[in-house]
Amino acid sequence: GLCATAASSPFDVVKSRMMSQPFDEAGRGIRYTSMTDCFRKCLASEGISFMWRGFSANYLNKGPTVVLFFVLYETIQARLDTVL
């Protein structure tokens, strides 16, 4: 869960900023033209730490999900091994 959250967090931050920016009449973003543009501008203005903003909230969401998935997976696999 920790590694997955750390790897996906920069993309979640950029996605959130792209979605929350104001749009013009044609539906184009005013602040960023693309995800790459958003990444570059955020990196230039805030430094590398911008990529992990909201990390703890994201981890609190994904961490338990991953743990439950593996516990459930191992339980099902153990029961299937006894049946098969």
N, C-alpha and C. Protein backbone atom coordinates (compact mmCIF):
# COMPACT_ATOMS: atom_id res chain seq x y z
N GLY A 1 0.80 -1.19 0.00
CA GLY A 1 0.00 0.00 0.00
C GLY A 1 0.84 1.26 0.00
N LEU A 2 1.92 1.25 0.79
CA LEU A 2 2.77 2.44 0.90
C LEU A 2 3.45 2.74 -0.42
N CYS A 3 4.02 1.72 -1.05
CA CYS A 3 4.72 1.93 -2.33
C CYS A 3 3.75 2.35 -3.43
N ALA A 4 2.59 1.72 -3.47
CA ALA A 4 1.60 2.07 -4.48
C ALA A 4 1.11 3.51 -4.31
N THR A 5 0.92 3.92 -3.06
CA THR A 5 0.48 5.29 -2.80
C THR A 5 1.57 6.29 -3.16
N ALA A 6 2.81 5.98 -2.80
CA ALA A 6 3.92 6.88 -3.11
C ALA A 6 4.11 7.02 -4.62
N ALA A 7 3.92 5.93 -5.36
CA ALA A 7 4.08 5.97 -6.81
C ALA A 7 2.92 6.68 -7.51
N SER A 8 1.72 6.52 -7.00
CA SER A 8 0.56 7.11 -7.68
C SER A 8 0.23 8.53 -7.21
N SER A 9 0.75 8.93 -6.09
CA SER A 9 0.42 10.24 -5.52
C SER A 9 0.72 11.42 -6.46
N PRO A 10 1.89 11.47 -7.12
CA PRO A 10 2.12 12.60 -8.04
C PRO A 10 1.06 12.71 -9.13
N PHE A 11 0.62 11.58 -9.64
CA PHE A 11 -0.39 11.59 -10.69
C PHE A 11 -1.75 12.02 -10.15
N ASP A 12 -2.06 11.63 -8.92
CA ASP A 12 -3.30 12.06 -8.29
C ASP A 12 -3.32 13.56 -8.06
N VAL A 13 -2.18 14.11 -7.63
CA VAL A 13 -2.09 15.56 -7.39
C VAL A 13 -2.29 16.33 -8.70
N VAL A 14 -1.59 15.91 -9.75
CA VAL A 14 -1.71 16.59 -11.05
C VAL A 14 -3.13 16.45 -11.59
N LYS A 15 -3.72 15.27 -11.47
CA LYS A 15 -5.10 15.06 -11.94
C LYS A 15 -6.07 15.99 -11.20
N SER A 16 -5.90 16.09 -9.89
CA SER A 16 -6.79 16.95 -9.09
C SER A 16 -6.65 18.41 -9.49
N ARG A 17 -5.42 18.83 -9.73
CA ARG A 17 -5.21 20.23 -10.14
C ARG A 17 -5.75 20.50 -11.54
N MET A 18 -5.62 19.54 -12.43
CA MET A 18 -6.17 19.71 -13.77
C MET A 18 -7.69 19.82 -13.71
N MET A 19 -8.30 18.99 -12.88
CA MET A 19 -9.77 18.98 -12.80
C MET A 19 -10.33 20.20 -12.07
N SER A 20 -9.57 20.77 -11.15
CA SER A 20 -10.10 21.88 -10.35
C SER A 20 -9.76 23.26 -10.91
N GLN A 21 -9.01 23.31 -12.00
CA GLN A 21 -8.67 24.62 -12.56
C GLN A 21 -9.89 25.23 -13.26
N PRO A 22 -9.91 26.55 -13.37
CA PRO A 22 -11.01 27.19 -14.11
C PRO A 22 -10.87 26.94 -15.61
N PHE A 23 -11.99 26.94 -16.30
CA PHE A 23 -12.00 26.70 -17.74
C PHE A 23 -12.56 27.90 -18.48
N ASP A 24 -12.12 28.09 -19.74
CA ASP A 24 -12.66 29.18 -20.55
C ASP A 24 -13.95 28.73 -21.23
N GLU A 25 -14.50 29.58 -22.08
CA GLU A 25 -15.78 29.28 -22.75
C GLU A 25 -15.69 28.06 -23.65
N ALA A 26 -14.50 27.78 -24.17
CA ALA A 26 -14.31 26.65 -25.08
C ALA A 26 -14.05 25.35 -24.32
N GLY A 27 -13.97 25.43 -23.01
CA GLY A 27 -13.74 24.24 -22.21
C GLY A 27 -12.28 23.91 -21.99
N ARG A 28 -11.38 24.82 -22.36
CA ARG A 28 -9.95 24.60 -22.15
C ARG A 28 -9.53 25.16 -20.81
N GLY A 29 -8.58 24.49 -20.19
CA GLY A 29 -8.09 24.95 -18.91
C GLY A 29 -7.35 26.27 -19.02
N ILE A 30 -7.53 27.12 -18.02
CA ILE A 30 -6.88 28.43 -18.04
C ILE A 30 -5.45 28.34 -17.50
N ARG A 31 -5.23 27.55 -16.47
CA ARG A 31 -3.90 27.48 -15.84
C ARG A 31 -2.95 26.52 -16.55
N TYR A 32 -3.46 25.36 -16.96
CA TYR A 32 -2.60 24.32 -17.51
C TYR A 32 -3.15 23.84 -18.85
N THR A 33 -2.25 23.57 -19.78
CA THR A 33 -2.68 23.08 -21.09
C THR A 33 -2.68 21.57 -21.18
N SER A 34 -1.86 20.91 -20.34
CA SER A 34 -1.78 19.45 -20.34
C SER A 34 -1.28 18.99 -18.98
N MET A 35 -1.27 17.68 -18.77
CA MET A 35 -0.75 17.14 -17.51
C MET A 35 0.74 17.44 -17.38
N THR A 36 1.46 17.38 -18.49
CA THR A 36 2.89 17.69 -18.47
C THR A 36 3.12 19.15 -18.10
N ASP A 37 2.31 20.04 -18.67
CA ASP A 37 2.40 21.46 -18.35
C ASP A 37 2.11 21.69 -16.87
N CYS A 38 1.10 21.04 -16.35
CA CYS A 38 0.75 21.15 -14.93
C CYS A 38 1.91 20.68 -14.06
N PHE A 39 2.48 19.52 -14.40
CA PHE A 39 3.61 18.97 -13.64
C PHE A 39 4.78 19.95 -13.64
N ARG A 40 5.14 20.48 -14.80
CA ARG A 40 6.27 21.41 -14.90
C ARG A 40 6.04 22.69 -14.09
N LYS A 41 4.85 23.27 -14.22
CA LYS A 41 4.56 24.52 -13.51
C LYS A 41 4.53 24.32 -12.00
N CYS A 42 3.95 23.22 -11.55
CA CYS A 42 3.90 22.94 -10.12
C CYS A 42 5.29 22.66 -9.57
N LEU A 43 6.09 21.92 -10.33
CA LEU A 43 7.45 21.62 -9.91
C LEU A 43 8.28 22.90 -9.82
N ALA A 44 8.12 23.79 -10.78
CA ALA A 44 8.87 25.04 -10.79
C ALA A 44 8.45 25.97 -9.65
N SER A 45 7.17 26.01 -9.34
CA SER A 45 6.70 26.96 -8.34
C SER A 45 6.74 26.43 -6.91
N GLU A 46 6.58 25.11 -6.73
CA GLU A 46 6.48 24.56 -5.37
C GLU A 46 7.60 23.61 -4.99
N GLY A 47 8.38 23.17 -5.96
CA GLY A 47 9.42 22.20 -5.68
C GLY A 47 8.89 20.78 -5.73
N ILE A 48 9.77 19.83 -5.50
CA ILE A 48 9.41 18.42 -5.65
C ILE A 48 8.38 17.95 -4.63
N SER A 49 8.27 18.65 -3.51
CA SER A 49 7.33 18.21 -2.46
C SER A 49 5.87 18.31 -2.90
N PHE A 50 5.57 19.05 -3.97
CA PHE A 50 4.17 19.16 -4.41
C PHE A 50 3.60 17.80 -4.79
N MET A 51 4.48 16.89 -5.22
CA MET A 51 4.01 15.60 -5.73
C MET A 51 3.37 14.73 -4.65
N TRP A 52 3.64 15.03 -3.40
CA TRP A 52 3.09 14.20 -2.33
C TRP A 52 2.15 14.98 -1.41
N ARG A 53 1.56 16.03 -1.93
CA ARG A 53 0.53 16.73 -1.16
C ARG A 53 -0.68 15.81 -1.03
N GLY A 54 -1.22 15.72 0.16
CA GLY A 54 -2.36 14.85 0.38
C GLY A 54 -1.99 13.38 0.49
N PHE A 55 -0.69 13.09 0.66
CA PHE A 55 -0.23 11.71 0.72
C PHE A 55 -0.90 10.93 1.85
N SER A 56 -0.97 11.53 3.04
CA SER A 56 -1.51 10.79 4.19
C SER A 56 -2.98 10.44 3.98
N ALA A 57 -3.76 11.35 3.44
CA ALA A 57 -5.17 11.04 3.19
C ALA A 57 -5.30 9.95 2.13
N ASN A 58 -4.46 10.02 1.11
CA ASN A 58 -4.47 9.00 0.06
C ASN A 58 -4.06 7.65 0.62
N TYR A 59 -3.04 7.64 1.49
CA TYR A 59 -2.58 6.39 2.08
C TYR A 59 -3.64 5.80 3.01
N LEU A 60 -4.31 6.65 3.77
CA LEU A 60 -5.37 6.15 4.65
C LEU A 60 -6.50 5.52 3.86
N ASN A 61 -6.64 5.91 2.61
CA ASN A 61 -7.64 5.31 1.73
C ASN A 61 -7.13 3.99 1.14
N LYS A 62 -5.93 4.00 0.58
CA LYS A 62 -5.40 2.84 -0.12
C LYS A 62 -4.80 1.79 0.79
N GLY A 63 -4.17 2.20 1.88
CA GLY A 63 -3.49 1.26 2.76
C GLY A 63 -4.38 0.14 3.26
N PRO A 64 -5.48 0.45 3.93
CA PRO A 64 -6.37 -0.61 4.41
C PRO A 64 -6.96 -1.46 3.29
N THR A 65 -7.20 -0.87 2.15
CA THR A 65 -7.75 -1.60 1.02
C THR A 65 -6.79 -2.70 0.57
N VAL A 66 -5.52 -2.35 0.48
CA VAL A 66 -4.52 -3.33 0.05
C VAL A 66 -4.37 -4.43 1.10
N VAL A 67 -4.34 -4.06 2.37
CA VAL A 67 -4.23 -5.06 3.44
C VAL A 67 -5.41 -6.01 3.40
N LEU A 68 -6.62 -5.49 3.29
CA LEU A 68 -7.80 -6.34 3.23
C LEU A 68 -7.79 -7.25 2.01
N PHE A 69 -7.34 -6.72 0.89
CA PHE A 69 -7.27 -7.52 -0.33
C PHE A 69 -6.36 -8.73 -0.12
N PHE A 70 -5.15 -8.50 0.42
CA PHE A 70 -4.22 -9.61 0.59
C PHE A 70 -4.68 -10.60 1.65
N VAL A 71 -5.28 -10.13 2.71
CA VAL A 71 -5.81 -11.05 3.72
C VAL A 71 -6.91 -11.91 3.11
N LEU A 72 -7.83 -11.29 2.39
CA LEU A 72 -8.90 -12.03 1.74
C LEU A 72 -8.35 -13.00 0.69
N TYR A 73 -7.39 -12.57 -0.07
CA TYR A 73 -6.77 -13.42 -1.10
C TYR A 73 -6.13 -14.66 -0.46
N GLU A 74 -5.36 -14.44 0.59
CA GLU A 74 -4.70 -15.57 1.27
C GLU A 74 -5.72 -16.53 1.89
N THR A 75 -6.78 -16.00 2.46
CA THR A 75 -7.82 -16.84 3.06
C THR A 75 -8.51 -17.68 2.01
N ILE A 76 -8.88 -17.08 0.91
CA ILE A 76 -9.55 -17.81 -0.18
C ILE A 76 -8.61 -18.85 -0.77
N GLN A 77 -7.35 -18.48 -0.97
CA GLN A 77 -6.40 -19.42 -1.53
C GLN A 77 -6.18 -20.62 -0.59
N ALA A 78 -6.09 -20.38 0.69
CA ALA A 78 -5.92 -21.47 1.67
C ALA A 78 -7.13 -22.40 1.65
N ARG A 79 -8.32 -21.85 1.56
CA ARG A 79 -9.53 -22.70 1.54
C ARG A 79 -9.64 -23.47 0.22
N LEU A 80 -9.25 -22.85 -0.86
CA LEU A 80 -9.26 -23.56 -2.15
C LEU A 80 -8.23 -24.68 -2.17
N ASP A 81 -7.11 -24.48 -1.52
CA ASP A 81 -6.09 -25.54 -1.45
C ASP A 81 -6.61 -26.76 -0.71
N THR A 82 -7.44 -26.57 0.31
CA THR A 82 -7.98 -27.72 1.04
C THR A 82 -9.06 -28.43 0.22
N VAL A 83 -9.78 -27.68 -0.60
CA VAL A 83 -10.85 -28.26 -1.41
C VAL A 83 -10.28 -28.97 -2.63
N LEU A 84 -9.30 -28.36 -3.25
CA LEU A 84 -8.73 -28.93 -4.48
C LEU A 84 -7.61 -29.82 -4.09
